[in-house]
Each structure stands twice: as structure tokens, then as C-alpha cells.
Amino acid sequence: MKTELSSPLEKFRSGAAPQHASYQLHRKQRNIQILLPTLLSALALAGMAALISFAAFQGDGDVGRWAAVSVIWLATPVLIAGLVTLAVLVGLIYAMSRALNALPRYTGVAQEYAALARGYIIRGANMVVKPVIAVEGFIGLIKAFFERIGAP
């Protein structure tokens, strides 16, 4: 006997998997686009490791050559990541140079406002700190006076 759940909240609480078409499509895509490439990559890696181990540890295997091959396999992802980073940086530099050529007047105005704001910020910070420094100086003066007269 199958009970029909009346509200979506009850269906969610029951833990029953949804059966609508988009969920089924999601499950199919998850299997094909995520699980399958992951498992194939893991199998390929395990197979390569087994082949390299088998070839390197035979009686006539050249361990030095296989060590060099291993270093190449380890260095390749680092080099690819470095090339991607370099390409991003070159793209950013190119975009910045184009932007600076396109907006020279506005960047000059922005620099003037930044310098003006810097002046206000420094002046405000000095105004806030000045009383604290004065009080600390006065306390230091009193301490020095009592140290000179030998009071405890």
C-alpha cells in the first residue's frame, strides 16, 4: 500500500528522491559529466603507475630514465598553471594599458582626488593622535621628573 504525500515539505522530509524530468536529467548529467571522467582519470593514472613500476623494476629497467619521466609528469601541471597565470597577467596588463590610453583625463582627475583625500586623511589622523601624544609626553615628563629627584 503506497501512501501519497500531500505537500512538498512532506516529500522533502520523507527523503524520497524527486522524480521530475529535470532531476532525472541532472542525475544523468552528473553520471556522465562528473563521475565518468573522474573514474576514467583515476583508472588511467593507476594504469600508468602500474606500467611505469613494471617497466622500471624489471631486471633491465633503467631507473634513472623513469625517474626523469616521473619528474616530467610532476612538472607538467605546474608549468601549465604557470602559463595560465602568465596569460591572465598579460591580459590584465593589456586591458590596463588600453584603459589608461582611453581615459587619461579621468585617471588624472582620479589621482588628484586621491591626493586630496590623502591630505585630509593624514590631517585627520594627526588631529586624532595629537592629544594622545601630548598626554603621553606629559606623563613621561612627570615620570622623568620624579626619577631625577629620586622619588619612588
Protein backbone atom coordinates (compact mmCIF):
# COMPACT_ATOMS: atom_id res chain seq x y z
CA MET A 1 0.00 0.00 0.00
CA LYS A 2 1.56 3.26 -1.14
CA THR A 3 0.78 6.47 0.72
CA GLU A 4 0.65 9.67 -1.28
CA LEU A 5 2.43 12.58 0.39
CA SER A 6 0.30 15.71 0.26
CA SER A 7 2.77 18.60 0.42
CA PRO A 8 6.26 19.23 -1.00
CA LEU A 9 7.56 19.71 2.55
CA GLU A 10 6.42 16.21 3.49
CA LYS A 11 8.09 14.83 0.37
CA PHE A 12 11.31 16.60 1.33
CA ARG A 13 11.18 15.34 4.92
CA SER A 14 10.49 11.78 3.80
CA GLY A 15 13.79 11.69 1.91
CA ALA A 16 12.20 10.43 -1.27
CA ALA A 17 14.12 11.39 -4.39
CA PRO A 18 12.20 13.65 -6.74
CA GLN A 19 11.04 12.02 -9.94
CA HIS A 20 10.54 15.04 -12.23
CA ALA A 21 12.33 15.30 -15.57
CA SER A 22 14.87 17.95 -14.60
CA TYR A 23 16.05 15.85 -11.64
CA GLN A 24 16.43 12.79 -13.88
CA LEU A 25 18.41 14.89 -16.37
CA HIS A 26 20.59 16.17 -13.52
CA ARG A 27 21.31 12.61 -12.38
CA LYS A 28 22.24 11.58 -15.93
CA GLN A 29 24.49 14.61 -16.41
CA ARG A 30 26.14 14.02 -13.03
CA ASN A 31 26.98 10.47 -14.02
CA ILE A 32 28.27 11.39 -17.47
CA GLN A 33 29.96 14.74 -16.77
CA ILE A 34 31.37 14.19 -13.29
CA LEU A 35 31.65 10.58 -12.27
CA LEU A 36 32.70 9.08 -15.60
CA PRO A 37 35.66 11.46 -16.26
CA THR A 38 36.78 11.16 -12.65
CA LEU A 39 36.77 7.38 -12.71
CA LEU A 40 38.46 7.21 -16.13
CA SER A 41 41.19 9.60 -14.96
CA ALA A 42 41.75 7.56 -11.81
CA LEU A 43 41.98 4.35 -13.84
CA ALA A 44 44.38 5.96 -16.33
CA LEU A 45 46.58 7.23 -13.51
CA ALA A 46 46.61 3.84 -11.80
CA GLY A 47 47.39 2.12 -15.10
CA MET A 48 50.25 4.50 -15.85
CA ALA A 49 51.67 4.00 -12.37
CA ALA A 50 51.47 0.21 -12.79
CA LEU A 51 53.14 0.33 -16.23
CA ILE A 52 55.91 2.63 -15.04
CA SER A 53 56.53 0.49 -11.97
CA PHE A 54 56.55 -2.69 -14.05
CA ALA A 55 58.99 -1.24 -16.60
CA ALA A 56 61.29 0.40 -14.05
CA PHE A 57 61.69 -2.51 -11.69
CA GLN A 58 62.40 -5.25 -14.19
CA GLY A 59 65.93 -6.61 -14.41
CA ASP A 60 66.86 -4.42 -17.40
CA GLY A 61 64.78 -1.37 -16.40
CA ASP A 62 66.58 1.98 -16.43
CA VAL A 63 65.53 3.60 -13.16
CA GLY A 64 67.19 6.94 -13.96
CA ARG A 65 65.25 7.30 -17.18
CA TRP A 66 61.97 6.52 -15.44
CA ALA A 67 62.83 8.99 -12.69
CA ALA A 68 63.26 11.65 -15.36
CA VAL A 69 59.90 10.68 -16.87
CA SER A 70 58.31 10.99 -13.44
CA VAL A 71 59.79 14.45 -12.95
CA ILE A 72 58.35 15.50 -16.30
CA TRP A 73 54.90 14.23 -15.27
CA LEU A 74 55.18 16.09 -11.97
CA ALA A 75 56.41 19.34 -13.51
CA THR A 76 53.89 19.50 -16.36
CA PRO A 77 50.85 20.61 -14.26
CA VAL A 78 52.96 23.28 -12.57
CA LEU A 79 54.11 24.60 -15.93
CA ILE A 80 50.57 24.63 -17.30
CA ALA A 81 49.32 26.52 -14.22
CA GLY A 82 52.18 28.98 -14.66
CA LEU A 83 51.27 29.54 -18.30
CA VAL A 84 47.63 30.14 -17.39
CA THR A 85 48.70 32.64 -14.71
CA LEU A 86 51.03 34.34 -17.18
CA ALA A 87 48.25 34.57 -19.77
CA VAL A 88 45.91 36.14 -17.20
CA LEU A 89 48.55 38.67 -16.16
CA VAL A 90 49.35 39.57 -19.77
CA GLY A 91 45.63 40.03 -20.43
CA LEU A 92 45.28 42.27 -17.37
CA ILE A 93 48.29 44.36 -18.39
CA TYR A 94 46.91 44.74 -21.91
CA ALA A 95 43.47 45.72 -20.60
CA MET A 96 45.00 48.22 -18.17
CA SER A 97 47.11 49.82 -20.90
CA ARG A 98 44.05 50.12 -23.15
CA ALA A 99 42.05 51.63 -20.30
CA LEU A 100 44.80 54.11 -19.44
CA ASN A 101 45.08 55.19 -23.06
CA ALA A 102 41.32 55.59 -23.32
CA LEU A 103 40.81 57.51 -20.09
CA PRO A 104 43.91 59.66 -19.42
CA ARG A 105 42.00 62.75 -18.38
CA TYR A 106 39.75 60.88 -15.98
CA THR A 107 42.62 58.98 -14.39
CA GLY A 108 44.38 62.30 -13.81
CA VAL A 109 41.28 63.67 -12.11
CA ALA A 110 41.03 60.50 -10.01
CA GLN A 111 44.68 60.89 -8.98
CA GLU A 112 44.05 64.49 -7.95
CA TYR A 113 41.08 63.44 -5.81
CA ALA A 114 43.13 60.61 -4.29
CA ALA A 115 45.90 63.07 -3.37
CA LEU A 116 43.34 65.46 -1.89
CA ALA A 117 41.77 62.64 0.13
CA ARG A 118 45.23 61.56 1.29
CA GLY A 119 45.87 65.04 2.65
CA TYR A 120 42.54 65.09 4.52
CA ILE A 121 43.14 61.61 5.93
CA ILE A 122 46.64 62.48 7.17
CA ARG A 123 45.41 65.75 8.69
CA GLY A 124 42.50 63.99 10.41
CA ALA A 125 44.73 61.23 11.74
CA ASN A 126 47.18 63.78 13.12
CA MET A 127 44.34 65.68 14.80
CA VAL A 128 43.09 62.49 16.45
CA VAL A 129 46.54 61.40 17.65
CA LYS A 130 47.83 64.80 18.80
CA PRO A 131 46.03 64.80 22.21
CA VAL A 132 47.15 61.24 22.94
CA ILE A 133 50.76 62.11 22.16
CA ALA A 134 50.53 65.24 24.33
CA VAL A 135 49.18 63.27 27.30
CA GLU A 136 51.83 60.54 26.87
CA GLY A 137 54.53 63.24 26.71
CA PHE A 138 53.21 64.89 29.86
CA ILE A 139 53.17 61.54 31.70
CA GLY A 140 56.72 60.86 30.50
CA LEU A 141 57.79 64.32 31.73
CA ILE A 142 56.31 63.67 35.17
CA LYS A 143 57.99 60.23 35.36
CA ALA A 144 61.34 61.73 34.37
CA PHE A 145 60.95 64.49 37.00
CA PHE A 146 60.26 62.02 39.80
CA GLU A 147 63.11 59.75 38.66
CA ARG A 148 65.54 62.69 38.85
CA ILE A 149 64.52 63.71 42.33
CA GLY A 150 64.71 60.10 43.44
CA ALA A 151 61.13 59.62 44.48
CA PRO A 152 59.77 56.05 44.34
